[in-house]
Amino acid sequence: MMAPEQFAAVPTPHAAAAAPTQGTRTDPPPAVAIAEHGDDEAVMLRREGLPSDGVILAPSVAATPMRHPENAWAMLVLAADVLDDTDPDREGEVALFAGRWLPEQPPATQCEGNLVLALTAPEGDSPPDDLVDVEMLLAHRNRWARVGEWAGVDARWPWTVAMTAAAIIGLHTEVTETTSPASRPQPTA
């Protein structure tokens, strides 16, 4: 199991999609201080092989975060597991959606394929605390690219964005694998 201060996403044993990485950062950011996990969340994090500073978004065992902690830039998606058509009765069900708060924006050049979620208050003079704007960014081609945006969503936002996160991670992984030098046809002599 990776140490909590490591930056790279951790694949989960049961995840249909986990954030791809190009390795770990040489200067990992310090872990963001978060509230203590309840016993259920700590057990689930251990069972899924996720770092102890991870946050289970779905299925939720704690209150859904509606804003960043003050000392966080965004949440790195560690796992996005959405059930496929192998079980038609549960197809599309979010089995696991988890992340980890990042204290600062890392250079996209060191995070190719990582997906993050930015949680902000909806615009307005006095936005309600029970609504959030969610922006999804993907580190791709040396920049952070917006790949999804949801305005004014309620506390069920993890279920709303998990399918998109799983699809983007899966597509990025497929593209990366098919364009890697090892997967290209080699010239014949």
Protein backbone atom coordinates (compact mmCIF):
# COMPACT_ATOMS: atom_id res chain seq x y z
CA MET A 1 0.00 0.00 0.00
CA MET A 2 1.25 3.49 -0.88
CA ALA A 3 2.04 6.01 1.81
CA PRO A 4 -0.63 8.71 2.22
CA GLU A 5 1.75 11.43 1.12
CA GLN A 6 2.33 9.90 -2.30
CA PHE A 7 0.64 11.76 -5.13
CA ALA A 8 -0.11 9.11 -7.75
CA ALA A 9 -3.56 7.57 -7.89
CA VAL A 10 -3.85 4.15 -6.35
CA PRO A 11 -5.61 1.46 -8.38
CA THR A 12 -8.28 -0.38 -6.47
CA PRO A 13 -8.76 -4.13 -6.69
CA HIS A 14 -12.44 -3.85 -7.58
CA ALA A 15 -12.36 -0.64 -9.60
CA ALA A 16 -13.50 -0.65 -13.22
CA ALA A 17 -11.46 2.49 -13.70
CA ALA A 18 -8.79 4.09 -11.59
CA ALA A 19 -6.87 7.26 -12.36
CA PRO A 20 -3.88 6.51 -14.61
CA THR A 21 -0.54 8.06 -13.76
CA GLN A 22 2.92 8.37 -15.18
CA GLY A 23 4.52 7.62 -11.81
CA THR A 24 4.84 9.41 -8.54
CA ARG A 25 6.00 12.96 -8.04
CA THR A 26 9.48 13.40 -6.70
CA ASP A 27 8.27 16.12 -4.33
CA PRO A 28 4.87 14.95 -3.11
CA PRO A 29 2.66 17.62 -1.59
CA PRO A 30 1.93 17.23 2.10
CA ALA A 31 -1.35 15.54 2.97
CA VAL A 32 -4.29 17.86 3.51
CA ALA A 33 -5.61 17.74 7.04
CA ILE A 34 -9.15 16.39 7.07
CA ALA A 35 -11.57 15.34 9.75
CA GLU A 36 -11.03 11.90 11.23
CA HIS A 37 -12.70 9.09 9.32
CA GLY A 38 -15.41 7.09 10.95
CA ASP A 39 -14.64 3.43 11.47
CA ASP A 40 -16.73 2.42 8.42
CA GLU A 41 -14.84 4.74 6.08
CA ALA A 42 -11.42 3.71 7.42
CA VAL A 43 -12.34 0.05 6.92
CA MET A 44 -13.55 0.72 3.37
CA LEU A 45 -10.38 2.69 2.50
CA ARG A 46 -8.18 -0.17 3.76
CA ARG A 47 -10.29 -2.82 2.00
CA GLU A 48 -10.05 -0.96 -1.32
CA GLY A 49 -6.30 -0.34 -0.97
CA LEU A 50 -6.75 3.44 -0.82
CA PRO A 51 -4.61 5.83 1.25
CA SER A 52 -5.81 6.63 4.74
CA ASP A 53 -6.32 10.30 3.81
CA GLY A 54 -8.72 9.30 1.03
CA VAL A 55 -12.38 10.29 0.96
CA ILE A 56 -15.10 7.83 -0.04
CA LEU A 57 -17.65 9.81 -2.06
CA ALA A 58 -19.88 6.89 -3.06
CA PRO A 59 -21.20 4.78 -1.55
CA SER A 60 -21.00 7.44 1.09
CA VAL A 61 -20.41 6.55 4.71
CA ALA A 62 -19.90 10.18 5.78
CA ALA A 63 -21.29 13.56 4.80
CA THR A 64 -20.63 14.47 1.18
CA PRO A 65 -18.14 17.35 0.87
CA MET A 66 -19.80 20.43 -0.61
CA ARG A 67 -16.72 22.69 -0.64
CA HIS A 68 -12.93 22.30 -0.50
CA PRO A 69 -11.24 22.41 2.84
CA GLU A 70 -9.49 25.79 3.20
CA ASN A 71 -6.09 24.20 2.61
CA ALA A 72 -7.01 22.30 -0.58
CA TRP A 73 -6.90 23.09 -4.30
CA ALA A 74 -8.99 20.16 -5.60
CA MET A 75 -9.73 16.48 -5.09
CA LEU A 76 -7.70 13.90 -7.00
CA VAL A 77 -9.93 11.06 -8.20
CA LEU A 78 -8.45 7.81 -6.86
CA ALA A 79 -11.15 5.42 -8.04
CA ALA A 80 -14.28 5.55 -10.17
CA ASP A 81 -15.97 2.15 -10.30
CA VAL A 82 -19.30 2.04 -12.13
CA LEU A 83 -20.88 -1.36 -12.76
CA ASP A 84 -21.24 -2.36 -16.40
CA ASP A 85 -23.75 -4.56 -18.20
CA THR A 86 -22.35 -7.82 -16.77
CA ASP A 87 -25.10 -7.46 -14.16
CA PRO A 88 -28.06 -5.85 -15.98
CA ASP A 89 -29.94 -5.31 -12.68
CA ARG A 90 -27.10 -3.13 -11.35
CA GLU A 91 -25.78 -1.57 -14.57
CA GLY A 92 -24.72 2.05 -14.04
CA GLU A 93 -24.62 1.70 -10.25
CA VAL A 94 -21.70 3.49 -8.59
CA ALA A 95 -19.79 0.83 -6.67
CA LEU A 96 -16.94 3.11 -5.57
CA PHE A 97 -16.02 6.73 -6.13
CA ALA A 98 -13.13 8.05 -4.05
CA GLY A 99 -10.67 10.88 -3.99
CA ARG A 100 -7.95 12.64 -2.03
CA TRP A 101 -7.61 16.35 -1.31
CA LEU A 102 -4.61 18.04 -2.92
CA PRO A 103 -3.21 21.08 -1.13
CA GLU A 104 -1.96 22.80 -4.28
CA GLN A 105 -2.23 22.60 -8.04
CA PRO A 106 0.55 20.33 -9.30
CA PRO A 107 2.04 20.91 -12.75
CA ALA A 108 0.02 19.03 -15.35
CA THR A 109 3.31 17.90 -16.91
CA GLN A 110 3.83 15.62 -13.89
CA CYS A 111 0.24 14.34 -13.70
CA GLU A 112 -0.67 13.09 -17.18
CA GLY A 113 -3.99 11.27 -16.96
CA ASN A 114 -4.90 12.40 -13.44
CA LEU A 115 -8.46 13.61 -12.95
CA VAL A 116 -9.40 16.18 -10.32
CA LEU A 117 -12.64 17.69 -9.03
CA ALA A 118 -12.92 21.34 -8.00
CA LEU A 119 -15.82 22.11 -5.65
CA THR A 120 -16.97 25.72 -5.44
CA ALA A 121 -19.97 27.64 -4.16
CA PRO A 122 -22.56 28.46 -6.82
CA GLU A 123 -22.55 32.10 -7.94
CA GLY A 124 -24.79 34.52 -6.14
CA ASP A 125 -24.87 36.83 -3.15
CA SER A 126 -25.67 34.11 -0.66
CA PRO A 127 -25.30 30.65 -2.25
CA PRO A 128 -26.92 27.82 -0.29
CA ASP A 129 -24.54 25.46 1.53
CA ASP A 130 -26.43 22.43 0.21
CA LEU A 131 -25.54 23.14 -3.46
CA VAL A 132 -22.13 22.99 -5.17
CA ASP A 133 -20.58 23.64 -8.57
CA VAL A 134 -18.32 20.77 -9.65
CA GLU A 135 -15.61 21.21 -12.26
CA MET A 136 -13.73 18.16 -13.57
CA LEU A 137 -10.20 18.67 -14.90
CA LEU A 138 -7.92 16.17 -16.67
CA ALA A 139 -4.14 16.55 -16.87
CA HIS A 140 -3.58 15.98 -20.58
CA ARG A 141 -0.86 17.13 -22.96
CA ASN A 142 0.88 19.22 -20.31
CA ARG A 143 -2.17 21.23 -19.25
CA TRP A 144 -5.25 20.92 -17.05
CA ALA A 145 -8.24 20.61 -19.41
CA ARG A 146 -11.86 21.01 -18.29
CA VAL A 147 -13.71 17.82 -19.19
CA GLY A 148 -16.91 18.30 -17.19
CA GLU A 149 -18.89 20.93 -15.33
CA TRP A 150 -22.01 20.66 -13.19
CA ALA A 151 -23.66 23.78 -11.71
CA GLY A 152 -25.74 23.88 -8.55
CA VAL A 153 -25.84 20.15 -7.80
CA ASP A 154 -26.97 18.75 -4.46
CA ALA A 155 -25.24 16.32 -2.07
CA ARG A 156 -25.77 13.46 -4.53
CA TRP A 157 -23.20 15.03 -6.87
CA PRO A 158 -20.79 12.07 -6.56
CA TRP A 159 -23.38 9.81 -8.21
CA THR A 160 -23.97 12.47 -10.87
CA VAL A 161 -20.30 12.81 -11.88
CA ALA A 162 -18.97 9.27 -11.22
CA MET A 163 -20.10 7.86 -14.59
CA THR A 164 -18.34 10.69 -16.45
CA ALA A 165 -15.19 10.25 -14.33
CA ALA A 166 -15.09 6.50 -15.02
CA ALA A 167 -15.61 7.04 -18.76
CA ILE A 168 -12.90 9.71 -19.03
CA ILE A 169 -10.40 7.66 -17.05
CA GLY A 170 -11.17 4.60 -19.17
CA LEU A 171 -10.87 6.50 -22.46
CA HIS A 172 -7.66 8.21 -21.43
CA THR A 173 -6.17 4.88 -20.38
CA GLU A 174 -7.12 3.29 -23.72
CA VAL A 175 -5.66 6.18 -25.72
CA THR A 176 -2.47 6.17 -23.67
CA GLU A 177 -2.04 2.41 -24.09
CA THR A 178 -2.64 2.48 -27.86
CA THR A 179 -0.25 5.39 -28.45
CA SER A 180 2.60 4.18 -26.25
CA PRO A 181 5.81 3.21 -28.10
CA ALA A 182 5.50 -0.42 -26.94
CA SER A 183 2.07 -0.76 -28.59
CA ARG A 184 3.08 0.73 -31.97
CA PRO A 185 3.91 -1.71 -34.77
CA GLN A 186 7.66 -2.12 -35.14
CA PRO A 187 9.19 -1.73 -38.61
CA THR A 188 10.27 -4.95 -40.25
CA ALA A 189 13.65 -5.38 -41.88
